[in-house]
């Protein structure tokens, strides 16, 4: 065979293999059904194919997951009545080994996040209504809570649903108090700055939120309101700059929003609807921060509690809890719109972590 012809024949295959990479996707679950804990799947970054579902560790209701900054350790909430969180060593084969477990200092922990330095973890306790801060030790283990903020009042029941660090700030969405709080780090402890970034009339129920890379804009997805509140940071505080529905105009059924994420370049914003069972896609003005809805894509399943984008930014994956499947979508780099590719079965998936 002609050498030149052979090179032309083989080169595309070599290039394809070079670009393709298998990475690990961890799946947090509820264990009141068939699930036994945290699972992992192999994800192909070129094709978007998920394969090799494996149990990584047995755990009770590991419903939200996050990595350490060096990705050597993984942390989970354990949404039980008593409430605790776990630290795990990530083994070479992707299995997880428990390092230690500590009380979450509140019933029903539902969200966990870590700061950029990898030194502090924030846990949101939905039922207990508390926000707890933990120190991360050098061996990946967790100390007992160093701070616990109780959002409950005599007249209002708190349901802290998510929290995120940004530099010296810690923000927390409280579904029960209908507000997003801001804490500021001072002398290595957090102190409350604002009990509500902005007024949220009509009790829309802030659940999750995402923060732009420059820290100027915060987008809050509202569980009860089927909406997104866009907030801008100013020299004197925060102001609301936009408010948009996540639902199609024709949909009149029940709905509870869940998760929210940027595209990799922050030109698009995605939010999940449980009920309508769609991902709402928004085009975002990166200067003004305002958003416009351009698509509602079926999640090809029921009750999309959580979703994520892969590290390449080319794919969006949705955890459909009730239908026990993970759906994979391609992202159009130009328009931001989604196209369904395929799905795989997974027991009670509620959190996806790359």
C-alpha atoms as a PDB file:
ATOM      1  CA  UNK A   1       0.000   0.000   0.000  1.00  0.00           C
ATOM      2  CA  UNK A   2       1.197   3.509  -0.813  1.00  0.00           C
ATOM      3  CA  UNK A   3       2.716   5.095   2.340  1.00  0.00           C
ATOM      4  CA  UNK A   4       1.123   8.475   1.655  1.00  0.00           C
ATOM      5  CA  UNK A   5      -2.294   6.862   1.291  1.00  0.00           C
ATOM      6  CA  UNK A   6      -1.759   4.908   4.528  1.00  0.00           C
ATOM      7  CA  UNK A   7      -0.896   8.097   6.426  1.00  0.00           C
ATOM      8  CA  UNK A   8      -4.026   9.823   5.119  1.00  0.00           C
ATOM      9  CA  UNK A   9      -6.094   6.843   6.185  1.00  0.00           C
ATOM     10  CA  UNK A  10      -4.668   6.469   9.690  1.00  0.00           C
ATOM     11  CA  UNK A  11      -4.098  10.122  10.651  1.00  0.00           C
ATOM     12  CA  UNK A  12      -7.777  10.987  11.287  1.00  0.00           C
ATOM     13  CA  UNK A  13      -8.069   8.003  13.622  1.00  0.00           C
ATOM     14  CA  UNK A  14      -4.961   9.081  15.525  1.00  0.00           C
ATOM     15  CA  UNK A  15      -6.251  12.634  15.863  1.00  0.00           C
ATOM     16  CA  UNK A  16      -9.632  11.394  17.054  1.00  0.00           C
ATOM     17  CA  UNK A  17      -8.031   9.243  19.728  1.00  0.00           C
ATOM     18  CA  UNK A  18      -5.798  12.135  20.812  1.00  0.00           C
ATOM     19  CA  UNK A  19      -8.755  14.449  21.302  1.00  0.00           C
ATOM     20  CA  UNK A  20     -10.935  11.899  23.041  1.00  0.00           C
ATOM     21  CA  UNK A  21     -10.556  11.469  26.775  1.00  0.00           C
ATOM     22  CA  UNK A  22     -12.367   9.389  29.379  1.00  0.00           C
ATOM     23  CA  UNK A  23     -12.980  11.282  32.613  1.00  0.00           C
ATOM     24  CA  UNK A  24     -14.882  10.373  35.767  1.00  0.00           C
ATOM     25  CA  UNK A  25     -18.372  11.589  36.593  1.00  0.00           C
ATOM     26  CA  UNK A  26     -19.481  11.021  40.194  1.00  0.00           C
ATOM     27  CA  UNK A  27     -23.196  10.683  40.917  1.00  0.00           C
ATOM     28  CA  UNK A  28     -24.742  11.620  44.254  1.00  0.00           C
ATOM     29  CA  UNK A  29     -28.010   9.838  45.042  1.00  0.00           C
ATOM     30  CA  UNK A  30     -30.869   9.269  47.439  1.00  0.00           C
ATOM     31  CA  UNK A  31     -30.644   5.810  48.966  1.00  0.00           C
ATOM     32  CA  UNK A  32     -34.307   5.246  49.842  1.00  0.00           C
ATOM     33  CA  UNK A  33     -34.678   3.053  46.724  1.00  0.00           C
ATOM     34  CA  UNK A  34     -32.272   0.956  44.677  1.00  0.00           C
ATOM     35  CA  UNK A  35     -29.243   3.195  45.196  1.00  0.00           C
ATOM     36  CA  UNK A  36     -26.543   2.208  47.673  1.00  0.00           C
ATOM     37  CA  UNK A  37     -24.388   5.352  47.693  1.00  0.00           C
ATOM     38  CA  UNK A  38     -22.093   7.323  45.386  1.00  0.00           C
ATOM     39  CA  UNK A  39     -21.644   5.994  41.859  1.00  0.00           C
ATOM     40  CA  UNK A  40     -19.221   6.804  39.076  1.00  0.00           C
ATOM     41  CA  UNK A  41     -19.401   6.713  35.303  1.00  0.00           C
ATOM     42  CA  UNK A  42     -16.811   7.135  32.560  1.00  0.00           C
ATOM     43  CA  UNK A  43     -17.517  10.123  30.310  1.00  0.00           C
ATOM     44  CA  UNK A  44     -16.074  10.526  26.829  1.00  0.00           C
ATOM     45  CA  UNK A  45     -15.307  14.214  26.264  1.00  0.00           C
ATOM     46  CA  UNK A  46     -15.417  13.818  22.478  1.00  0.00           C
ATOM     47  CA  UNK A  47     -18.645  11.837  22.039  1.00  0.00           C
ATOM     48  CA  UNK A  48     -20.487  12.599  25.269  1.00  0.00           C
ATOM     49  CA  UNK A  49     -21.013   8.881  25.906  1.00  0.00           C
ATOM     50  CA  UNK A  50     -21.444   7.677  29.509  1.00  0.00           C
ATOM     51  CA  UNK A  51     -20.444   4.116  30.388  1.00  0.00           C
ATOM     52  CA  UNK A  52     -19.361   1.695  33.134  1.00  0.00           C
ATOM     53  CA  UNK A  53     -21.711   2.593  35.988  1.00  0.00           C
ATOM     54  CA  UNK A  54     -19.952   1.500  39.201  1.00  0.00           C
ATOM     55  CA  UNK A  55     -20.633   1.908  42.913  1.00  0.00           C
ATOM     56  CA  UNK A  56     -17.740   3.969  44.335  1.00  0.00           C
ATOM     57  CA  UNK A  57     -18.723   3.774  47.977  1.00  0.00           C
ATOM     58  CA  UNK A  58     -21.681   2.833  50.137  1.00  0.00           C
ATOM     59  CA  UNK A  59     -23.222   5.896  51.794  1.00  0.00           C
ATOM     60  CA  UNK A  60     -26.509   7.174  53.252  1.00  0.00           C
ATOM     61  CA  UNK A  61     -28.236   9.761  51.033  1.00  0.00           C
ATOM     62  CA  UNK A  62     -25.075  11.360  49.595  1.00  0.00           C
ATOM     63  CA  UNK A  63     -27.204  13.958  47.842  1.00  0.00           C
ATOM     64  CA  UNK A  64     -24.601  16.654  47.066  1.00  0.00           C
ATOM     65  CA  UNK A  65     -20.903  16.346  46.251  1.00  0.00           C
ATOM     66  CA  UNK A  66     -17.830  18.521  45.850  1.00  0.00           C
ATOM     67  CA  UNK A  67     -14.093  18.005  45.298  1.00  0.00           C
ATOM     68  CA  UNK A  68     -11.143  19.315  47.264  1.00  0.00           C
ATOM     69  CA  UNK A  69      -9.133  21.941  45.384  1.00  0.00           C
ATOM     70  CA  UNK A  70      -6.489  19.343  44.387  1.00  0.00           C
ATOM     71  CA  UNK A  71      -9.195  16.724  43.579  1.00  0.00           C
ATOM     72  CA  UNK A  72      -7.534  14.164  45.855  1.00  0.00           C
ATOM     73  CA  UNK A  73     -10.550  14.201  48.167  1.00  0.00           C
ATOM     74  CA  UNK A  74     -14.308  14.306  47.763  1.00  0.00           C
ATOM     75  CA  UNK A  75     -16.948  15.529  50.202  1.00  0.00           C
ATOM     76  CA  UNK A  76     -20.647  14.725  50.461  1.00  0.00           C
ATOM     77  CA  UNK A  77     -23.657  15.767  52.433  1.00  0.00           C
ATOM     78  CA  UNK A  78     -25.552  12.871  53.973  1.00  0.00           C
ATOM     79  CA  UNK A  79     -29.187  13.919  54.108  1.00  0.00           C
ATOM     80  CA  UNK A  80     -30.376  11.973  57.135  1.00  0.00           C
ATOM     81  CA  UNK A  81     -32.516  13.054  60.088  1.00  0.00           C
ATOM     82  CA  UNK A  82     -29.436  13.548  62.245  1.00  0.00           C
ATOM     83  CA  UNK A  83     -27.472  15.145  59.382  1.00  0.00           C
ATOM     84  CA  UNK A  84     -23.785  14.629  58.708  1.00  0.00           C
ATOM     85  CA  UNK A  85     -21.156  15.046  56.016  1.00  0.00           C
ATOM     86  CA  UNK A  86     -18.366  12.764  54.874  1.00  0.00           C
ATOM     87  CA  UNK A  87     -14.851  13.135  53.517  1.00  0.00           C
ATOM     88  CA  UNK A  88     -13.417  10.526  51.135  1.00  0.00           C
ATOM     89  CA  UNK A  89     -10.035   9.787  49.598  1.00  0.00           C
ATOM     90  CA  UNK A  90     -10.273   9.427  45.811  1.00  0.00           C
ATOM     91  CA  UNK A  91      -8.476   6.227  44.797  1.00  0.00           C
ATOM     92  CA  UNK A  92      -6.770   5.621  41.453  1.00  0.00           C
ATOM     93  CA  UNK A  93      -9.566   3.350  40.265  1.00  0.00           C
ATOM     94  CA  UNK A  94     -12.196   5.978  41.135  1.00  0.00           C
ATOM     95  CA  UNK A  95     -13.434   4.203  44.246  1.00  0.00           C
ATOM     96  CA  UNK A  96     -13.817   6.283  47.400  1.00  0.00           C
ATOM     97  CA  UNK A  97     -12.506   5.503  50.896  1.00  0.00           C
ATOM     98  CA  UNK A  98     -14.133   7.197  53.884  1.00  0.00           C
ATOM     99  CA  UNK A  99     -11.719   9.367  55.872  1.00  0.00           C
ATOM    100  CA  UNK A 100     -14.114  10.725  58.492  1.00  0.00           C
ATOM    101  CA  UNK A 101     -17.644  11.900  59.140  1.00  0.00           C
ATOM    102  CA  UNK A 102     -18.831  14.877  61.186  1.00  0.00           C
ATOM    103  CA  UNK A 103     -22.193  16.297  62.210  1.00  0.00           C
ATOM    104  CA  UNK A 104     -23.622  18.863  59.783  1.00  0.00           C
ATOM    105  CA  UNK A 105     -25.077  20.719  62.790  1.00  0.00           C
ATOM    106  CA  UNK A 106     -28.547  20.650  61.298  1.00  0.00           C
ATOM    107  CA  UNK A 107     -31.121  18.216  59.985  1.00  0.00           C
ATOM    108  CA  UNK A 108     -31.329  17.468  56.263  1.00  0.00           C
ATOM    109  CA  UNK A 109     -28.044  18.792  54.806  1.00  0.00           C
ATOM    110  CA  UNK A 110     -28.675  19.312  51.083  1.00  0.00           C
ATOM    111  CA  UNK A 111     -25.747  21.301  49.645  1.00  0.00           C
ATOM    112  CA  UNK A 112     -21.984  21.488  50.137  1.00  0.00           C
ATOM    113  CA  UNK A 113     -19.371  23.853  48.678  1.00  0.00           C
ATOM    114  CA  UNK A 114     -15.661  24.547  49.186  1.00  0.00           C
ATOM    115  CA  UNK A 115     -13.691  27.784  48.945  1.00  0.00           C
ATOM    116  CA  UNK A 116     -11.070  28.365  46.250  1.00  0.00           C
ATOM    117  CA  UNK A 117      -8.210  27.742  48.659  1.00  0.00           C
ATOM    118  CA  UNK A 118      -9.701  24.401  49.683  1.00  0.00           C
ATOM    119  CA  UNK A 119      -9.556  25.299  53.366  1.00  0.00           C
ATOM    120  CA  UNK A 120     -13.220  25.845  54.278  1.00  0.00           C
ATOM    121  CA  UNK A 121     -16.468  24.051  53.490  1.00  0.00           C
ATOM    122  CA  UNK A 122     -20.005  25.413  53.798  1.00  0.00           C
ATOM    123  CA  UNK A 123     -22.970  23.096  54.343  1.00  0.00           C
ATOM    124  CA  UNK A 124     -26.621  24.099  53.961  1.00  0.00           C
ATOM    125  CA  UNK A 125     -29.022  22.308  56.302  1.00  0.00           C
ATOM    126  CA  UNK A 126     -32.462  22.509  54.708  1.00  0.00           C
ATOM    127  CA  UNK A 127     -34.616  21.063  57.489  1.00  0.00           C
ATOM    128  CA  UNK A 128     -32.600  22.489  60.369  1.00  0.00           C
ATOM    129  CA  UNK A 129     -32.331  25.935  58.799  1.00  0.00           C
ATOM    130  CA  UNK A 130     -28.648  26.343  59.627  1.00  0.00           C
ATOM    131  CA  UNK A 131     -25.513  27.194  57.664  1.00  0.00           C
ATOM    132  CA  UNK A 132     -22.403  25.442  58.964  1.00  0.00           C
ATOM    133  CA  UNK A 133     -18.714  26.152  58.282  1.00  0.00           C
ATOM    134  CA  UNK A 134     -16.004  23.482  58.513  1.00  0.00           C
ATOM    135  CA  UNK A 135     -12.216  23.594  58.346  1.00  0.00           C
ATOM    136  CA  UNK A 136     -10.481  21.180  55.942  1.00  0.00           C
ATOM    137  CA  UNK A 137      -7.416  19.448  57.393  1.00  0.00           C
ATOM    138  CA  UNK A 138      -4.191  18.683  55.494  1.00  0.00           C
ATOM    139  CA  UNK A 139      -5.079  14.973  55.229  1.00  0.00           C
ATOM    140  CA  UNK A 140      -8.452  15.781  53.652  1.00  0.00           C
ATOM    141  CA  UNK A 141     -10.447  15.106  56.809  1.00  0.00           C
ATOM    142  CA  UNK A 142     -12.941  17.576  58.252  1.00  0.00           C
ATOM    143  CA  UNK A 143     -12.885  19.242  61.648  1.00  0.00           C
ATOM    144  CA  UNK A 144     -16.088  19.674  63.592  1.00  0.00           C
ATOM    145  CA  UNK A 145     -18.032  22.809  62.606  1.00  0.00           C
ATOM    146  CA  UNK A 146     -16.156  25.989  63.442  1.00  0.00           C
ATOM    147  CA  UNK A 147     -19.218  28.221  62.925  1.00  0.00           C
ATOM    148  CA  UNK A 148     -22.968  27.577  62.795  1.00  0.00           C
ATOM    149  CA  UNK A 149     -25.441  30.257  61.709  1.00  0.00           C
ATOM    150  CA  UNK A 150     -29.066  29.649  62.684  1.00  0.00           C
ATOM    151  CA  UNK A 151     -31.382  31.477  60.263  1.00  0.00           C
ATOM    152  CA  UNK A 152     -34.572  30.544  62.118  1.00  0.00           C
ATOM    153  CA  UNK A 153     -36.509  33.276  63.892  1.00  0.00           C
ATOM    154  CA  UNK A 154     -39.490  33.263  66.205  1.00  0.00           C
ATOM    155  CA  UNK A 155     -41.819  33.991  63.302  1.00  0.00           C
ATOM    156  CA  UNK A 156     -40.049  32.429  60.299  1.00  0.00           C
ATOM    157  CA  UNK A 157     -38.739  28.941  59.619  1.00  0.00           C
ATOM    158  CA  UNK A 158     -35.471  28.822  57.703  1.00  0.00           C
ATOM    159  CA  UNK A 159     -34.636  26.370  54.914  1.00  0.00           C
ATOM    160  CA  UNK A 160     -31.042  27.077  53.886  1.00  0.00           C
ATOM    161  CA  UNK A 161     -30.723  25.473  50.455  1.00  0.00           C
ATOM    162  CA  UNK A 162     -27.301  26.402  49.042  1.00  0.00           C
ATOM    163  CA  UNK A 163     -24.188  28.430  49.779  1.00  0.00           C
ATOM    164  CA  UNK A 164     -21.164  29.539  47.746  1.00  0.00           C
ATOM    165  CA  UNK A 165     -17.850  31.210  48.449  1.00  0.00           C
ATOM    166  CA  UNK A 166     -16.527  34.086  46.376  1.00  0.00           C
ATOM    167  CA  UNK A 167     -13.173  35.463  47.552  1.00  0.00           C
ATOM    168  CA  UNK A 168     -13.904  36.759  51.086  1.00  0.00           C
ATOM    169  CA  UNK A 169     -17.673  36.523  50.656  1.00  0.00           C
ATOM    170  CA  UNK A 170     -19.991  33.654  51.494  1.00  0.00           C
ATOM    171  CA  UNK A 171     -23.501  33.810  50.037  1.00  0.00           C
ATOM    172  CA  UNK A 172     -26.396  31.594  51.156  1.00  0.00           C
ATOM    173  CA  UNK A 173     -29.841  31.113  49.593  1.00  0.00           C
ATOM    174  CA  UNK A 174     -32.578  30.584  52.172  1.00  0.00           C
ATOM    175  CA  UNK A 175     -35.764  29.167  50.666  1.00  0.00           C
ATOM    176  CA  UNK A 176     -37.657  29.487  53.944  1.00  0.00           C
ATOM    177  CA  UNK A 177     -36.688  33.098  54.646  1.00  0.00           C
ATOM    178  CA  UNK A 178     -37.017  34.050  50.949  1.00  0.00           C
ATOM    179  CA  UNK A 179     -33.632  35.750  50.887  1.00  0.00           C
ATOM    180  CA  UNK A 180     -29.991  35.458  49.839  1.00  0.00           C
ATOM    181  CA  UNK A 181     -27.612  36.270  52.692  1.00  0.00           C
ATOM    182  CA  UNK A 182     -24.083  37.664  52.484  1.00  0.00           C
ATOM    183  CA  UNK A 183     -21.358  36.863  55.008  1.00  0.00           C
ATOM    184  CA  UNK A 184     -17.879  38.412  54.931  1.00  0.00           C
ATOM    185  CA  UNK A 185     -14.630  36.863  56.191  1.00  0.00           C
ATOM    186  CA  UNK A 186     -12.988  38.883  58.968  1.00  0.00           C
ATOM    187  CA  UNK A 187     -10.055  37.523  61.002  1.00  0.00           C
ATOM    188  CA  UNK A 188     -10.738  34.043  59.600  1.00  0.00           C
ATOM    189  CA  UNK A 189     -14.380  33.970  60.747  1.00  0.00           C
ATOM    190  CA  UNK A 190     -17.521  34.876  58.818  1.00  0.00           C
ATOM    191  CA  UNK A 191     -19.769  37.702  59.960  1.00  0.00           C
ATOM    192  CA  UNK A 192     -23.189  38.635  58.572  1.00  0.00           C
ATOM    193  CA  UNK A 193     -23.234  41.660  56.279  1.00  0.00           C
ATOM    194  CA  UNK A 194     -26.657  41.487  54.601  1.00  0.00           C
ATOM    195  CA  UNK A 195     -29.621  39.347  55.624  1.00  0.00           C
ATOM    196  CA  UNK A 196     -31.053  39.942  52.142  1.00  0.00           C
ATOM    197  CA  UNK A 197     -29.133  41.121  49.077  1.00  0.00           C
ATOM    198  CA  UNK A 198     -32.344  42.415  47.477  1.00  0.00           C
ATOM    199  CA  UNK A 199     -36.048  42.337  48.284  1.00  0.00           C
ATOM    200  CA  UNK A 200     -37.803  39.333  46.715  1.00  0.00           C
ATOM    201  CA  UNK A 201     -41.545  40.100  46.658  1.00  0.00           C
ATOM    202  CA  UNK A 202     -44.139  37.349  46.259  1.00  0.00           C
ATOM    203  CA  UNK A 203     -42.050  34.655  47.994  1.00  0.00           C
ATOM    204  CA  UNK A 204     -40.403  33.219  44.855  1.00  0.00           C
ATOM    205  CA  UNK A 205     -38.193  30.965  47.013  1.00  0.00           C
ATOM    206  CA  UNK A 206     -34.479  31.356  46.167  1.00  0.00           C
ATOM    207  CA  UNK A 207     -32.916  27.883  45.912  1.00  0.00           C
ATOM    208  CA  UNK A 208     -29.592  27.870  44.032  1.00  0.00           C
ATOM    209  CA  UNK A 209     -27.513  30.633  42.436  1.00  0.00           C
ATOM    210  CA  UNK A 210     -24.428  31.191  40.336  1.00  0.00           C
ATOM    211  CA  UNK A 211     -21.904  34.025  40.422  1.00  0.00           C
ATOM    212  CA  UNK A 212     -20.112  35.508  37.405  1.00  0.00           C
ATOM    213  CA  UNK A 213     -16.343  35.080  37.340  1.00  0.00           C
ATOM    214  CA  UNK A 214     -15.795  38.783  38.001  1.00  0.00           C
ATOM    215  CA  UNK A 215     -18.175  38.706  40.971  1.00  0.00           C
ATOM    216  CA  UNK A 216     -20.317  41.493  39.550  1.00  0.00           C
ATOM    217  CA  UNK A 217     -23.486  39.486  38.850  1.00  0.00           C
ATOM    218  CA  UNK A 218     -25.457  36.856  40.773  1.00  0.00           C
ATOM    219  CA  UNK A 219     -28.264  34.829  39.180  1.00  0.00           C
ATOM    220  CA  UNK A 220     -30.745  33.248  41.595  1.00  0.00           C
ATOM    221  CA  UNK A 221     -33.139  30.499  40.527  1.00  0.00           C
ATOM    222  CA  UNK A 222     -36.416  30.578  42.439  1.00  0.00           C
ATOM    223  CA  UNK A 223     -38.013  27.229  43.284  1.00  0.00           C
ATOM    224  CA  UNK A 224     -41.569  28.452  43.875  1.00  0.00           C
ATOM    225  CA  UNK A 225     -41.628  31.311  41.384  1.00  0.00           C
ATOM    226  CA  UNK A 226     -40.363  29.465  38.296  1.00  0.00           C
ATOM    227  CA  UNK A 227     -38.041  32.377  37.712  1.00  0.00           C
ATOM    228  CA  UNK A 228     -34.529  33.802  37.784  1.00  0.00           C
ATOM    229  CA  UNK A 229     -33.623  36.981  39.652  1.00  0.00           C
ATOM    230  CA  UNK A 230     -30.530  38.743  38.290  1.00  0.00           C
ATOM    231  CA  UNK A 231     -28.589  40.866  40.788  1.00  0.00           C
ATOM    232  CA  UNK A 232     -25.695  43.283  40.236  1.00  0.00           C
ATOM    233  CA  UNK A 233     -23.071  44.234  42.813  1.00  0.00           C
ATOM    234  CA  UNK A 234     -22.568  48.002  43.114  1.00  0.00           C
ATOM    235  CA  UNK A 235     -20.356  50.215  45.279  1.00  0.00           C
ATOM    236  CA  UNK A 236     -23.239  50.614  47.734  1.00  0.00           C
ATOM    237  CA  UNK A 237     -24.596  47.055  47.772  1.00  0.00           C
ATOM    238  CA  UNK A 238     -26.708  44.949  45.407  1.00  0.00           C
ATOM    239  CA  UNK A 239     -29.527  45.838  43.011  1.00  0.00           C
ATOM    240  CA  UNK A 240     -31.913  43.712  40.972  1.00  0.00           C
ATOM    241  CA  UNK A 241     -31.378  44.222  37.247  1.00  0.00           C
ATOM    242  CA  UNK A 242     -33.583  41.538  35.673  1.00  0.00           C
ATOM    243  CA  UNK A 243     -36.333  39.013  36.401  1.00  0.00           C
ATOM    244  CA  UNK A 244     -37.299  36.268  33.958  1.00  0.00           C
ATOM    245  CA  UNK A 245     -39.589  33.239  33.911  1.00  0.00           C
ATOM    246  CA  UNK A 246     -38.026  29.827  33.363  1.00  0.00           C
ATOM    247  CA  UNK A 247     -41.269  28.359  31.969  1.00  0.00           C
ATOM    248  CA  UNK A 248     -42.812  28.301  28.512  1.00  0.00           C
ATOM    249  CA  UNK A 249     -45.825  30.569  28.166  1.00  0.00           C
ATOM    250  CA  UNK A 250     -48.179  27.642  27.499  1.00  0.00           C
ATOM    251  CA  UNK A 251     -47.155  25.589  30.558  1.00  0.00           C
ATOM    252  CA  UNK A 252     -49.721  25.886  33.381  1.00  0.00           C
ATOM    253  CA  UNK A 253     -48.840  22.873  35.555  1.00  0.00           C
ATOM    254  CA  UNK A 254     -46.981  22.663  38.836  1.00  0.00           C
ATOM    255  CA  UNK A 255     -43.275  23.389  38.795  1.00  0.00           C
ATOM    256  CA  UNK A 256     -40.316  23.659  41.135  1.00  0.00           C
ATOM    257  CA  UNK A 257     -37.062  25.099  39.820  1.00  0.00           C
ATOM    258  CA  UNK A 258     -33.836  23.485  41.004  1.00  0.00           C
ATOM    259  CA  UNK A 259     -30.357  24.210  39.617  1.00  0.00           C
ATOM    260  CA  UNK A 260     -28.592  26.940  37.632  1.00  0.00           C
ATOM    261  CA  UNK A 261     -25.275  27.151  35.734  1.00  0.00           C
ATOM    262  CA  UNK A 262     -23.381  29.343  33.246  1.00  0.00           C
ATOM    263  CA  UNK A 263     -21.980  28.165  29.955  1.00  0.00           C
ATOM    264  CA  UNK A 264     -18.192  28.000  29.996  1.00  0.00           C
ATOM    265  CA  UNK A 265     -17.868  31.454  28.375  1.00  0.00           C
ATOM    266  CA  UNK A 266     -20.728  32.908  30.513  1.00  0.00           C
ATOM    267  CA  UNK A 267     -22.639  34.021  27.397  1.00  0.00           C
ATOM    268  CA  UNK A 268     -25.488  31.659  28.268  1.00  0.00           C
ATOM    269  CA  UNK A 269     -27.309  30.636  31.422  1.00  0.00           C
ATOM    270  CA  UNK A 270     -29.169  27.387  32.110  1.00  0.00           C
ATOM    271  CA  UNK A 271     -31.829  26.570  34.725  1.00  0.00           C
ATOM    272  CA  UNK A 272     -33.779  23.385  35.497  1.00  0.00           C
ATOM    273  CA  UNK A 273     -37.562  23.057  35.817  1.00  0.00           C
ATOM    274  CA  UNK A 274     -38.969  20.144  37.810  1.00  0.00           C
ATOM    275  CA  UNK A 275     -42.564  19.735  36.640  1.00  0.00           C
ATOM    276  CA  UNK A 276     -42.274  21.181  33.166  1.00  0.00           C
ATOM    277  CA  UNK A 277     -39.174  18.944  33.082  1.00  0.00           C
ATOM    278  CA  UNK A 278     -37.061  21.233  30.957  1.00  0.00           C
ATOM    279  CA  UNK A 279     -33.794  23.113  30.923  1.00  0.00           C
ATOM    280  CA  UNK A 280     -34.456  26.801  30.313  1.00  0.00           C
ATOM    281  CA  UNK A 281     -31.732  28.388  28.172  1.00  0.00           C
ATOM    282  CA  UNK A 282     -30.988  32.121  28.375  1.00  0.00           C
ATOM    283  CA  UNK A 283     -28.758  34.322  26.267  1.00  0.00           C
ATOM    284  CA  UNK A 284     -26.755  36.643  28.516  1.00  0.00           C
ATOM    285  CA  UNK A 285     -25.402  40.126  27.887  1.00  0.00           C
ATOM    286  CA  UNK A 286     -21.978  39.883  29.550  1.00  0.00           C
ATOM    287  CA  UNK A 287     -21.788  43.679  29.961  1.00  0.00           C
ATOM    288  CA  UNK A 288     -25.237  44.584  31.307  1.00  0.00           C
ATOM    289  CA  UNK A 289     -25.871  41.197  32.908  1.00  0.00           C
ATOM    290  CA  UNK A 290     -29.395  40.969  31.532  1.00  0.00           C
ATOM    291  CA  UNK A 291     -30.755  37.702  30.144  1.00  0.00           C
ATOM    292  CA  UNK A 292     -33.317  36.610  27.517  1.00  0.00           C
ATOM    293  CA  UNK A 293     -34.825  33.126  27.293  1.00  0.00           C
ATOM    294  CA  UNK A 294     -34.209  31.403  23.956  1.00  0.00           C
ATOM    295  CA  UNK A 295     -35.137  27.745  24.568  1.00  0.00           C
ATOM    296  CA  UNK A 296     -36.913  25.284  26.818  1.00  0.00           C
ATOM    297  CA  UNK A 297     -35.437  21.845  26.164  1.00  0.00           C
ATOM    298  CA  UNK A 298     -37.083  18.649  27.446  1.00  0.00           C
ATOM    299  CA  UNK A 299     -34.832  16.799  29.894  1.00  0.00           C
ATOM    300  CA  UNK A 300     -36.028  13.432  28.511  1.00  0.00           C
ATOM    301  CA  UNK A 301     -36.951  12.358  32.012  1.00  0.00           C
ATOM    302  CA  UNK A 302     -38.750  13.454  35.171  1.00  0.00           C
ATOM    303  CA  UNK A 303     -37.671  15.754  38.015  1.00  0.00           C
ATOM    304  CA  UNK A 304     -34.280  17.240  37.015  1.00  0.00           C
ATOM    305  CA  UNK A 305     -32.925  18.107  40.458  1.00  0.00           C
ATOM    306  CA  UNK A 306     -29.373  18.859  39.381  1.00  0.00           C
ATOM    307  CA  UNK A 307     -27.369  19.245  36.182  1.00  0.00           C
ATOM    308  CA  UNK A 308     -23.818  20.102  35.191  1.00  0.00           C
ATOM    309  CA  UNK A 309     -21.602  21.026  32.248  1.00  0.00           C
ATOM    310  CA  UNK A 310     -18.587  18.876  31.414  1.00  0.00           C
ATOM    311  CA  UNK A 311     -15.094  20.443  31.681  1.00  0.00           C
ATOM    312  CA  UNK A 312     -14.906  21.063  27.911  1.00  0.00           C
ATOM    313  CA  UNK A 313     -18.129  23.088  28.004  1.00  0.00           C
ATOM    314  CA  UNK A 314     -19.464  21.120  25.029  1.00  0.00           C
ATOM    315  CA  UNK A 315     -21.982  18.983  26.915  1.00  0.00           C
ATOM    316  CA  UNK A 316     -24.700  19.443  29.524  1.00  0.00           C
ATOM    317  CA  UNK A 317     -25.780  16.479  31.669  1.00  0.00           C
ATOM    318  CA  UNK A 318     -29.043  16.282  33.621  1.00  0.00           C
ATOM    319  CA  UNK A 319     -29.833  14.059  36.625  1.00  0.00           C
ATOM    320  CA  UNK A 320     -33.497  13.044  36.376  1.00  0.00           C
ATOM    321  CA  UNK A 321     -34.384  11.701  39.816  1.00  0.00           C
ATOM    322  CA  UNK A 322     -37.806  10.114  39.244  1.00  0.00           C
ATOM    323  CA  UNK A 323     -37.001   8.383  35.944  1.00  0.00           C
ATOM    324  CA  UNK A 324     -33.549   7.384  37.241  1.00  0.00           C
ATOM    325  CA  UNK A 325     -31.646   8.455  34.143  1.00  0.00           C
ATOM    326  CA  UNK A 326     -28.879  10.880  33.228  1.00  0.00           C
ATOM    327  CA  UNK A 327     -29.537  12.689  29.951  1.00  0.00           C
ATOM    328  CA  UNK A 328     -26.694  14.113  27.843  1.00  0.00           C
ATOM    329  CA  UNK A 329     -27.077  17.166  25.595  1.00  0.00           C
ATOM    330  CA  UNK A 330     -24.666  18.863  23.224  1.00  0.00           C
ATOM    331  CA  UNK A 331     -24.286  22.632  23.541  1.00  0.00           C
ATOM    332  CA  UNK A 332     -24.213  24.720  20.376  1.00  0.00           C
ATOM    333  CA  UNK A 333     -21.155  26.942  20.857  1.00  0.00           C
ATOM    334  CA  UNK A 334     -22.701  29.767  18.825  1.00  0.00           C
ATOM    335  CA  UNK A 335     -26.328  29.819  19.978  1.00  0.00           C
ATOM    336  CA  UNK A 336     -26.023  28.155  23.381  1.00  0.00           C
ATOM    337  CA  UNK A 337     -28.989  25.923  22.573  1.00  0.00           C
ATOM    338  CA  UNK A 338     -29.176  22.272  23.578  1.00  0.00           C
ATOM    339  CA  UNK A 339     -29.641  19.136  21.502  1.00  0.00           C
ATOM    340  CA  UNK A 340     -30.468  15.776  23.102  1.00  0.00           C
ATOM    341  CA  UNK A 341     -27.922  13.036  22.402  1.00  0.00           C
ATOM    342  CA  UNK A 342     -28.646  10.024  24.624  1.00  0.00           C
ATOM    343  CA  UNK A 343     -29.182   8.912  28.196  1.00  0.00           C
ATOM    344  CA  UNK A 344     -28.160   6.170  30.632  1.00  0.00           C
ATOM    345  CA  UNK A 345     -29.854   4.615  33.636  1.00  0.00           C
ATOM    346  CA  UNK A 346     -28.583   5.434  37.140  1.00  0.00           C
ATOM    347  CA  UNK A 347     -30.310   4.849  40.509  1.00  0.00           C
ATOM    348  CA  UNK A 348     -31.948   7.999  41.987  1.00  0.00           C
ATOM    349  CA  UNK A 349     -29.404  10.493  40.598  1.00  0.00           C
ATOM    350  CA  UNK A 350     -29.586  13.912  42.266  1.00  0.00           C
ATOM    351  CA  UNK A 351     -26.074  15.392  41.920  1.00  0.00           C
ATOM    352  CA  UNK A 352     -23.460  15.226  39.145  1.00  0.00           C
ATOM    353  CA  UNK A 353     -19.788  16.074  39.732  1.00  0.00           C
ATOM    354  CA  UNK A 354     -16.931  16.231  37.214  1.00  0.00           C
END
